[in-house]
Protein backbone atom coordinates (compact mmCIF):
# COMPACT_ATOMS: atom_id res chain seq x y z
CA MET A 1 -10.02 27.53 -11.73
CA ILE A 2 -8.84 26.41 -15.41
CA SER A 3 -6.60 23.76 -14.04
CA VAL A 4 -2.99 23.32 -15.37
CA ALA A 5 -3.14 19.93 -15.33
CA GLN A 6 -5.73 17.08 -15.38
CA PRO A 7 -6.11 13.40 -15.76
CA LEU A 8 -8.95 12.64 -18.53
CA LEU A 9 -10.31 9.10 -17.15
CA GLY A 10 -13.80 8.13 -18.02
CA LYS A 11 -16.35 5.14 -18.21
CA ALA A 12 -13.73 3.02 -20.40
CA GLU A 13 -10.83 3.39 -17.47
CA GLU A 14 -13.33 2.54 -14.96
CA GLU A 15 -14.99 -0.40 -16.51
CA ALA A 16 -11.29 -1.79 -17.35
CA VAL A 17 -10.21 -1.59 -13.75
CA LEU A 18 -13.35 -3.21 -12.57
CA ARG A 19 -12.81 -6.12 -15.13
CA VAL A 20 -9.29 -6.65 -13.43
CA ILE A 21 -10.67 -6.08 -9.89
CA ARG A 22 -13.61 -9.06 -10.70
CA SER A 23 -11.04 -11.39 -12.00
CA GLY A 24 -9.13 -11.61 -8.69
CA GLN A 25 -5.86 -11.28 -10.80
CA VAL A 26 -4.65 -7.73 -9.79
CA ALA A 27 -0.90 -8.13 -9.68
CA GLN A 28 1.24 -7.79 -12.86
CA GLY A 29 -0.57 -10.00 -15.55
CA LYS A 30 -2.29 -10.31 -18.99
CA GLN A 31 -3.20 -6.42 -19.11
CA VAL A 32 0.03 -5.37 -18.12
CA GLU A 33 1.53 -7.36 -21.01
CA LEU A 34 -1.00 -6.10 -23.34
CA PHE A 35 -0.36 -2.59 -22.31
CA GLU A 36 3.55 -3.51 -23.15
CA LYS A 37 2.72 -4.60 -26.49
CA ARG A 38 0.62 -1.61 -27.49
CA PHE A 39 2.83 1.08 -26.05
CA ALA A 40 5.70 -0.76 -27.96
CA GLU A 41 3.61 -0.48 -31.19
CA THR A 42 3.08 3.33 -30.53
CA CYS A 43 6.78 4.13 -30.09
CA GLY A 44 8.04 1.84 -33.00
CA VAL A 45 10.21 -0.59 -30.98
CA GLU A 46 10.25 -4.02 -30.46
CA GLU A 47 10.31 -4.35 -26.57
CA ALA A 48 8.45 -2.37 -23.76
CA ILE A 49 8.86 -3.16 -20.24
CA ALA A 50 6.06 -1.84 -17.61
CA VAL A 51 7.53 -1.05 -14.41
CA SER A 52 6.24 1.20 -11.27
CA SER A 53 7.13 4.92 -12.15
CA GLY A 54 9.21 7.05 -14.48
CA THR A 55 11.93 6.83 -12.00
CA ALA A 56 12.01 3.35 -11.62
CA ALA A 57 12.37 3.30 -15.73
CA LEU A 58 15.34 5.59 -15.86
CA HIS A 59 16.94 3.54 -12.71
CA LEU A 60 16.73 0.31 -14.48
CA ALA A 61 17.89 1.62 -17.57
CA LEU A 62 21.19 2.89 -16.29
CA LEU A 63 21.65 -0.58 -14.31
CA ALA A 64 20.62 -2.38 -17.58
CA HIS A 65 23.45 -0.81 -19.28
CA GLY A 66 25.93 -1.51 -15.99
CA ILE A 67 26.42 2.23 -15.28
CA GLY A 68 27.68 2.52 -11.77
CA PRO A 69 30.40 3.91 -9.47
CA GLY A 70 33.07 5.98 -11.08
CA ASP A 71 30.94 6.29 -14.35
CA GLU A 72 29.54 9.69 -15.69
CA VAL A 73 26.56 10.49 -17.29
CA ILE A 74 25.83 13.57 -19.37
CA THR A 75 22.39 15.28 -18.52
CA THR A 76 20.44 18.55 -18.16
CA PRO A 77 20.05 20.71 -15.19
CA PHE A 78 16.79 21.84 -16.10
CA SER A 79 14.19 18.90 -15.38
CA PHE A 80 12.83 17.36 -12.58
CA ALA A 81 15.46 15.79 -10.03
CA ALA A 82 14.49 12.42 -10.25
CA THR A 83 16.54 12.58 -13.76
CA ALA A 84 19.80 13.37 -11.90
CA ASN A 85 19.08 11.53 -8.43
CA VAL A 86 18.84 8.08 -10.29
CA ILE A 87 22.27 8.65 -11.77
CA ILE A 88 23.90 9.20 -8.22
CA LEU A 89 21.61 6.35 -6.80
CA VAL A 90 23.55 3.57 -9.10
CA GLY A 91 26.77 5.38 -7.84
CA ALA A 92 27.40 7.29 -11.05
CA ILE A 93 28.22 11.14 -11.40
CA PRO A 94 25.60 13.45 -13.04
CA VAL A 95 27.71 15.91 -15.40
CA PHE A 96 25.18 18.90 -16.17
CA VAL A 97 25.33 20.44 -19.69
CA ASP A 98 23.45 23.74 -20.28
CA ILE A 99 20.23 23.67 -22.51
CA ASP A 100 19.08 25.35 -25.45
CA PRO A 101 16.92 28.76 -24.44
CA LEU A 102 14.17 28.06 -27.00
CA THR A 103 13.63 24.50 -26.66
CA TYR A 104 14.63 24.16 -23.19
CA THR A 105 16.39 20.48 -24.01
CA LEU A 106 19.94 19.61 -23.66
CA ASN A 107 22.17 21.72 -26.08
CA PRO A 108 23.80 19.40 -28.08
CA THR A 109 26.71 21.51 -29.18
CA LEU A 110 28.00 21.61 -25.51
CA VAL A 111 27.92 17.77 -25.03
CA GLU A 112 31.04 16.82 -26.47
CA ALA A 113 33.19 19.34 -24.35
CA ALA A 114 31.91 17.71 -21.44
CA LEU A 115 32.88 14.06 -22.16
CA THR A 116 35.77 12.43 -20.66
CA SER A 117 37.07 8.66 -20.44
CA ARG A 118 34.43 8.04 -17.66
CA THR A 119 31.48 9.15 -19.64
CA LYS A 120 29.34 6.10 -20.24
CA ALA A 121 25.87 7.63 -21.26
CA ILE A 122 23.82 10.74 -22.16
CA MET A 123 20.59 11.30 -20.79
CA PRO A 124 18.58 14.05 -22.77
CA VAL A 125 15.14 15.11 -21.42
CA HIS A 126 12.51 15.74 -23.88
CA LEU A 127 11.35 18.64 -21.84
CA TYR A 128 7.84 19.72 -21.67
CA GLY A 129 7.06 17.39 -24.88
CA HIS A 130 9.48 18.92 -27.21
CA PRO A 131 12.17 16.35 -28.39
CA CYS A 132 15.60 16.87 -27.60
CA VAL A 133 17.99 17.10 -30.67
CA MET A 134 18.79 13.59 -30.96
CA PRO A 135 20.52 13.42 -34.57
CA GLN A 136 23.46 15.21 -33.21
CA LEU A 137 23.39 13.43 -29.79
CA LEU A 138 23.36 10.15 -31.86
CA ILE A 139 26.39 11.23 -33.81
CA LEU A 140 28.40 11.84 -30.54
CA ALA A 141 27.02 8.77 -29.12
CA GLN A 142 28.19 6.67 -31.82
CA LYS A 143 31.64 8.31 -32.09
CA HIS A 144 32.36 7.77 -28.32
CA LYS A 145 30.64 4.42 -28.01
CA LEU A 146 28.00 5.82 -25.16
CA ALA A 147 24.52 4.72 -24.44
CA ILE A 148 21.51 6.84 -25.19
CA ILE A 149 18.68 6.88 -22.14
CA GLU A 150 15.98 9.23 -23.16
CA ASP A 151 13.99 10.71 -20.34
CA ALA A 152 10.68 10.90 -22.32
CA CYS A 153 8.51 11.31 -19.22
CA GLN A 154 6.86 14.40 -20.54
CA ALA A 155 6.93 13.33 -24.30
CA HIS A 156 4.71 10.52 -24.99
CA ALA A 157 3.82 10.64 -29.01
CA ALA A 158 6.39 13.26 -29.54
CA ALA A 159 8.52 12.62 -32.70
CA ILE A 160 11.44 13.54 -35.01
CA ASP A 161 10.61 13.48 -38.71
CA GLY A 162 8.05 10.85 -37.89
CA GLN A 163 10.22 8.81 -35.73
CA SER A 164 9.07 8.42 -32.01
CA VAL A 165 11.07 9.28 -29.14
CA GLY A 166 11.94 6.52 -26.81
CA SER A 167 13.08 4.63 -29.98
CA PHE A 168 16.72 6.61 -30.60
CA GLY A 169 18.09 4.92 -27.54
CA VAL A 170 16.45 3.11 -24.34
CA GLY A 171 13.38 5.39 -23.71
CA CYS A 172 12.04 6.26 -20.34
CA PHE A 173 8.23 6.93 -19.81
CA SER A 174 6.12 8.30 -17.03
CA PHE A 175 2.61 7.54 -16.51
CA TYR A 176 1.95 9.81 -13.31
CA ALA A 177 -1.42 11.44 -13.01
CA THR A 178 -0.40 14.69 -14.82
CA LYS A 179 1.22 13.34 -17.84
CA ASN A 180 -0.04 12.99 -21.45
CA ILE A 181 -1.49 9.73 -20.49
CA THR A 182 -2.09 8.08 -17.10
CA THR A 183 -1.92 4.94 -15.10
CA GLY A 184 -1.96 7.00 -11.65
CA GLU A 185 1.74 6.03 -10.99
CA GLY A 186 3.74 3.95 -13.51
CA GLY A 187 6.21 3.74 -16.03
CA MET A 188 7.87 2.11 -19.26
CA VAL A 189 11.14 1.22 -20.88
CA THR A 190 11.41 1.01 -24.54
CA THR A 191 14.08 -0.42 -26.57
CA ARG A 192 14.94 -2.23 -29.80
CA ASP A 193 17.27 -4.41 -27.78
CA SER A 194 15.99 -7.82 -26.65
CA ALA A 195 18.85 -8.68 -24.28
CA LEU A 196 18.63 -5.29 -22.50
CA ALA A 197 14.76 -5.69 -22.31
CA GLU A 198 15.37 -8.89 -20.62
CA ARG A 199 17.78 -7.54 -18.00
CA VAL A 200 15.15 -4.79 -17.22
CA ARG A 201 12.07 -7.23 -16.92
CA MET A 202 14.60 -9.30 -14.36
CA MET A 203 15.74 -6.29 -12.43
CA ARG A 204 11.96 -5.12 -11.99
CA SER A 205 11.01 -8.39 -10.33
CA HIS A 206 13.69 -9.45 -7.90
CA GLY A 207 16.36 -10.58 -10.44
CA GLN A 208 14.32 -13.58 -11.43
CA ARG A 209 14.32 -15.01 -14.86
CA GLU A 210 11.32 -17.39 -13.78
CA ARG A 211 9.35 -17.60 -10.32
CA TYR A 212 12.04 -18.51 -7.30
CA ARG A 213 14.91 -18.65 -9.71
CA GLN A 214 17.05 -15.63 -9.20
CA VAL A 215 19.95 -15.12 -11.70
CA MET A 216 20.84 -11.27 -10.65
CA MET A 217 20.11 -8.55 -7.99
CA GLY A 218 16.70 -6.65 -8.72
CA HIS A 219 14.04 -4.89 -7.18
CA ASN A 220 10.19 -4.81 -6.87
CA LEU A 221 9.44 -2.49 -9.54
CA ARG A 222 6.26 -3.89 -11.00
CA MET A 223 3.27 -2.35 -12.51
CA THR A 224 0.00 -4.01 -11.37
CA ASP A 225 -2.83 -5.17 -13.80
CA MET A 226 -5.04 -2.54 -12.54
CA GLN A 227 -2.55 0.15 -13.80
CA GLY A 228 -1.98 -2.04 -16.89
CA ALA A 229 -5.76 -2.00 -17.56
CA LEU A 230 -5.67 1.96 -17.41
CA GLY A 231 -2.56 1.86 -19.66
CA VAL A 232 -4.44 -0.05 -22.52
CA VAL A 233 -7.25 2.27 -22.81
CA GLN A 234 -5.27 5.44 -22.04
CA THR A 235 -3.07 4.07 -24.97
CA GLU A 236 -5.86 4.03 -27.32
CA LYS A 237 -6.94 7.56 -26.64
CA LEU A 238 -3.23 8.77 -26.77
CA GLU A 239 -3.37 10.27 -30.36
CA ALA A 240 -6.73 12.14 -29.87
CA LEU A 241 -5.60 13.53 -26.68
CA THR A 242 -2.17 14.77 -28.25
CA GLU A 243 -3.82 16.21 -31.15
CA LYS A 244 -5.95 18.11 -28.70
CA ARG A 245 -3.18 19.45 -26.85
CA ILE A 246 -1.34 20.35 -29.73
CA ALA A 247 -4.78 22.26 -31.18
CA ASN A 248 -4.84 24.08 -27.73
CA ALA A 249 -1.37 25.11 -27.94
CA HIS A 250 -1.67 26.39 -31.45
CA TYR A 251 -4.64 28.46 -30.24
CA LEU A 252 -2.71 30.09 -27.31
CA THR A 253 0.32 30.91 -29.55
CA ARG A 254 -1.63 32.39 -32.41
CA ARG A 255 -3.09 34.98 -30.20
CA LEU A 256 -0.18 35.51 -27.75
CA TYR A 257 2.62 35.51 -30.19
CA GLY A 258 4.79 38.76 -30.03
CA ALA A 259 3.18 39.69 -26.58
CA VAL A 260 5.16 37.13 -24.59
CA GLN A 261 7.73 34.64 -25.63
CA THR A 262 5.60 31.47 -26.67
CA PRO A 263 6.72 27.73 -27.26
CA ILE A 264 8.72 26.89 -30.33
CA ALA A 265 8.75 23.25 -32.26
CA LEU A 266 11.86 22.85 -34.49
CA LEU A 267 11.27 21.73 -38.09
CA GLY A 268 10.16 18.16 -38.28
CA TYR A 269 9.92 17.99 -34.57
CA ARG A 270 6.56 17.03 -33.10
CA HIS A 271 5.91 19.00 -29.85
CA VAL A 272 3.08 17.37 -27.73
CA PHE A 273 2.84 19.99 -25.00
CA HIS A 274 2.94 18.30 -21.98
CA GLN A 275 3.37 21.76 -20.73
CA TYR A 276 2.91 25.06 -22.58
CA THR A 277 5.46 27.33 -21.03
CA ILE A 278 6.01 31.07 -21.84
CA ARG A 279 8.56 33.24 -20.38
CA VAL A 280 7.93 36.13 -18.14
CA PRO A 281 11.05 38.22 -17.60
CA GLU A 282 10.06 40.14 -14.75
CA ASN A 283 7.52 40.00 -12.12
CA ARG A 284 6.71 36.38 -12.57
CA GLU A 285 4.97 36.08 -8.70
CA SER A 286 2.59 38.93 -9.62
CA TRP A 287 1.53 37.16 -13.03
CA ILE A 288 0.74 34.00 -10.90
CA GLN A 289 -0.97 35.80 -8.46
CA HIS A 290 -3.06 37.80 -11.26
CA LEU A 291 -4.01 34.34 -13.12
CA ASN A 292 -4.75 32.49 -10.46
CA GLY A 293 -6.95 35.25 -8.71
CA ARG A 294 -8.78 35.36 -12.20
CA GLY A 295 -9.35 31.61 -12.40
CA VAL A 296 -6.34 30.56 -14.72
CA GLY A 297 -4.29 27.92 -13.30
CA THR A 298 -0.32 28.13 -13.67
CA ALA A 299 2.68 26.05 -12.65
CA VAL A 300 6.48 26.64 -12.80
CA HIS A 301 8.29 23.70 -14.32
CA TYR A 302 11.21 24.34 -12.79
CA PRO A 303 11.89 26.77 -10.19
CA ILE A 304 15.28 25.51 -9.31
CA PRO A 305 17.57 23.95 -11.40
CA ILE A 306 18.80 20.39 -10.25
CA HIS A 307 22.22 21.53 -9.70
CA LEU A 308 21.14 24.53 -7.48
CA GLN A 309 18.78 22.33 -5.22
CA PRO A 310 19.62 22.20 -1.56
CA PHE A 311 20.81 18.53 -1.44
CA TYR A 312 23.13 19.07 -4.70
CA GLN A 313 24.53 22.39 -3.26
CA GLU A 314 25.48 20.36 0.24
CA HIS A 315 26.94 17.33 -1.82
CA PRO A 316 28.99 19.19 -4.83
CA ALA A 317 31.39 15.77 -4.60
CA LEU A 318 28.48 13.94 -6.13
CA TRP A 319 28.03 15.70 -9.41
CA ARG A 320 29.76 18.24 -11.88
CA ILE A 321 29.22 21.02 -14.51
CA GLY A 322 30.30 20.01 -17.93
CA SER A 323 32.21 22.95 -18.83
CA SER A 324 35.66 23.18 -17.13
CA THR A 325 35.51 26.89 -17.36
CA GLU A 326 31.98 27.50 -16.12
CA THR A 327 30.78 27.61 -12.37
CA HIS A 328 26.97 28.46 -13.37
CA LEU A 329 24.54 27.41 -16.08
CA PRO A 330 23.33 30.36 -17.09
CA VAL A 331 20.71 29.67 -19.48
CA ALA A 332 19.03 26.88 -17.26
CA GLU A 333 19.04 29.24 -14.48
CA ALA A 334 17.53 32.13 -16.38
CA ALA A 335 14.96 29.58 -17.63
CA ALA A 336 14.21 28.50 -13.95
CA ARG A 337 13.56 32.32 -13.09
CA GLU A 338 11.11 33.18 -15.82
CA VAL A 339 9.21 30.09 -16.94
CA LEU A 340 5.58 29.71 -16.55
CA ALA A 341 2.97 26.96 -17.58
CA LEU A 342 -0.45 27.76 -18.71
CA PRO A 343 -3.07 25.05 -19.07
CA VAL A 344 -3.17 23.34 -22.22
CA HIS A 345 -4.39 19.73 -21.56
CA PRO A 346 -7.25 17.97 -23.66
CA GLY A 347 -9.60 19.09 -20.96
CA VAL A 348 -9.32 22.60 -21.73
CA SER A 349 -12.11 24.36 -23.84
CA GLU A 350 -12.26 26.93 -26.21
CA GLU A 351 -13.97 29.13 -23.77
CA ASP A 352 -11.14 28.50 -21.26
CA LEU A 353 -8.66 29.20 -23.95
CA ALA A 354 -10.28 32.53 -24.53
CA ILE A 355 -10.17 33.46 -20.87
CA ILE A 356 -6.57 32.46 -20.70
CA VAL A 357 -5.67 34.54 -23.54
CA LYS A 358 -7.63 37.59 -22.27
CA GLU A 359 -5.89 37.56 -18.89
CA VAL A 360 -2.33 37.00 -20.22
CA LEU A 361 -2.69 40.01 -22.77
CA GLN A 362 -3.84 42.17 -19.86
CA LEU A 363 -0.60 41.63 -18.32
CA CYS A 364 1.34 42.26 -21.14
CA ASN A 365 -0.24 45.67 -21.53
């Protein structure tokens, strides 16, 4: 089976973790600090704060902005549920705005109509590795004095005109096993705001500014030094891994374009292809069965938009749709029925790519 996702961990990562284990200093320490420094440099920001997961990064970013009960946050319905769950967890209301049908990211032209006096932030998701249209969102944020919290969990090294995602607002990254680089679990908050960074640092560790001196309410959302050591090595490899993903994606697009709807990248936007997503308008399940049966792994990200998830349907008072005239989000709902991810990760060989193309084209005929 050509896997649809695969962590690439080798001898360098193994040795880095063993060094930490042998040191006896396995909790958050020097390796986490080094990882933060390297990742901040990668994103072009002054501050990076390592945490226990991408979800923790989003949660702490909201808390650090003081977002809570009575507030609203504009976001997308087409993402992993954690994007909206963290908004509810801080007591705020996720307001769902539909997506662009080509990039699958938040449609910026629909955002302003969804704003109210209670809106405090916009949380765009750089889905599949393609950046959201940040220039338009930044104009809206500045006009209405809103925070920008970027869900960049799938978009390490993605950029717009050379500017890295995670530097337009406050960035939130994940290092889960299937992400473009991994620490097994883990996350990162990136920012240019030193005061906000200090709040996140305290909140990830029980609200302490120094050991046993609690100055605010906090959590235990730290990263271990073993994870930090993995992150240092993986960050060193990030550019090479990203270039391989992009090359694999271009191989697939050159051969599949016209037969199926292939991913696009807007001009000036660096798509890092966390997922290579095609559209299958009919019989998606038969495509999945055929491809899996022929040794090609597939995945659907995501089969149910967040607003249609059972929990959200059972608790309609916790969220709302941004448009006052719509009861559905048709573009996101159509995407959920049709998207299909093919293998694109750096472990996919040219021989594997040829097999993927052959099997997909067979289904198109």
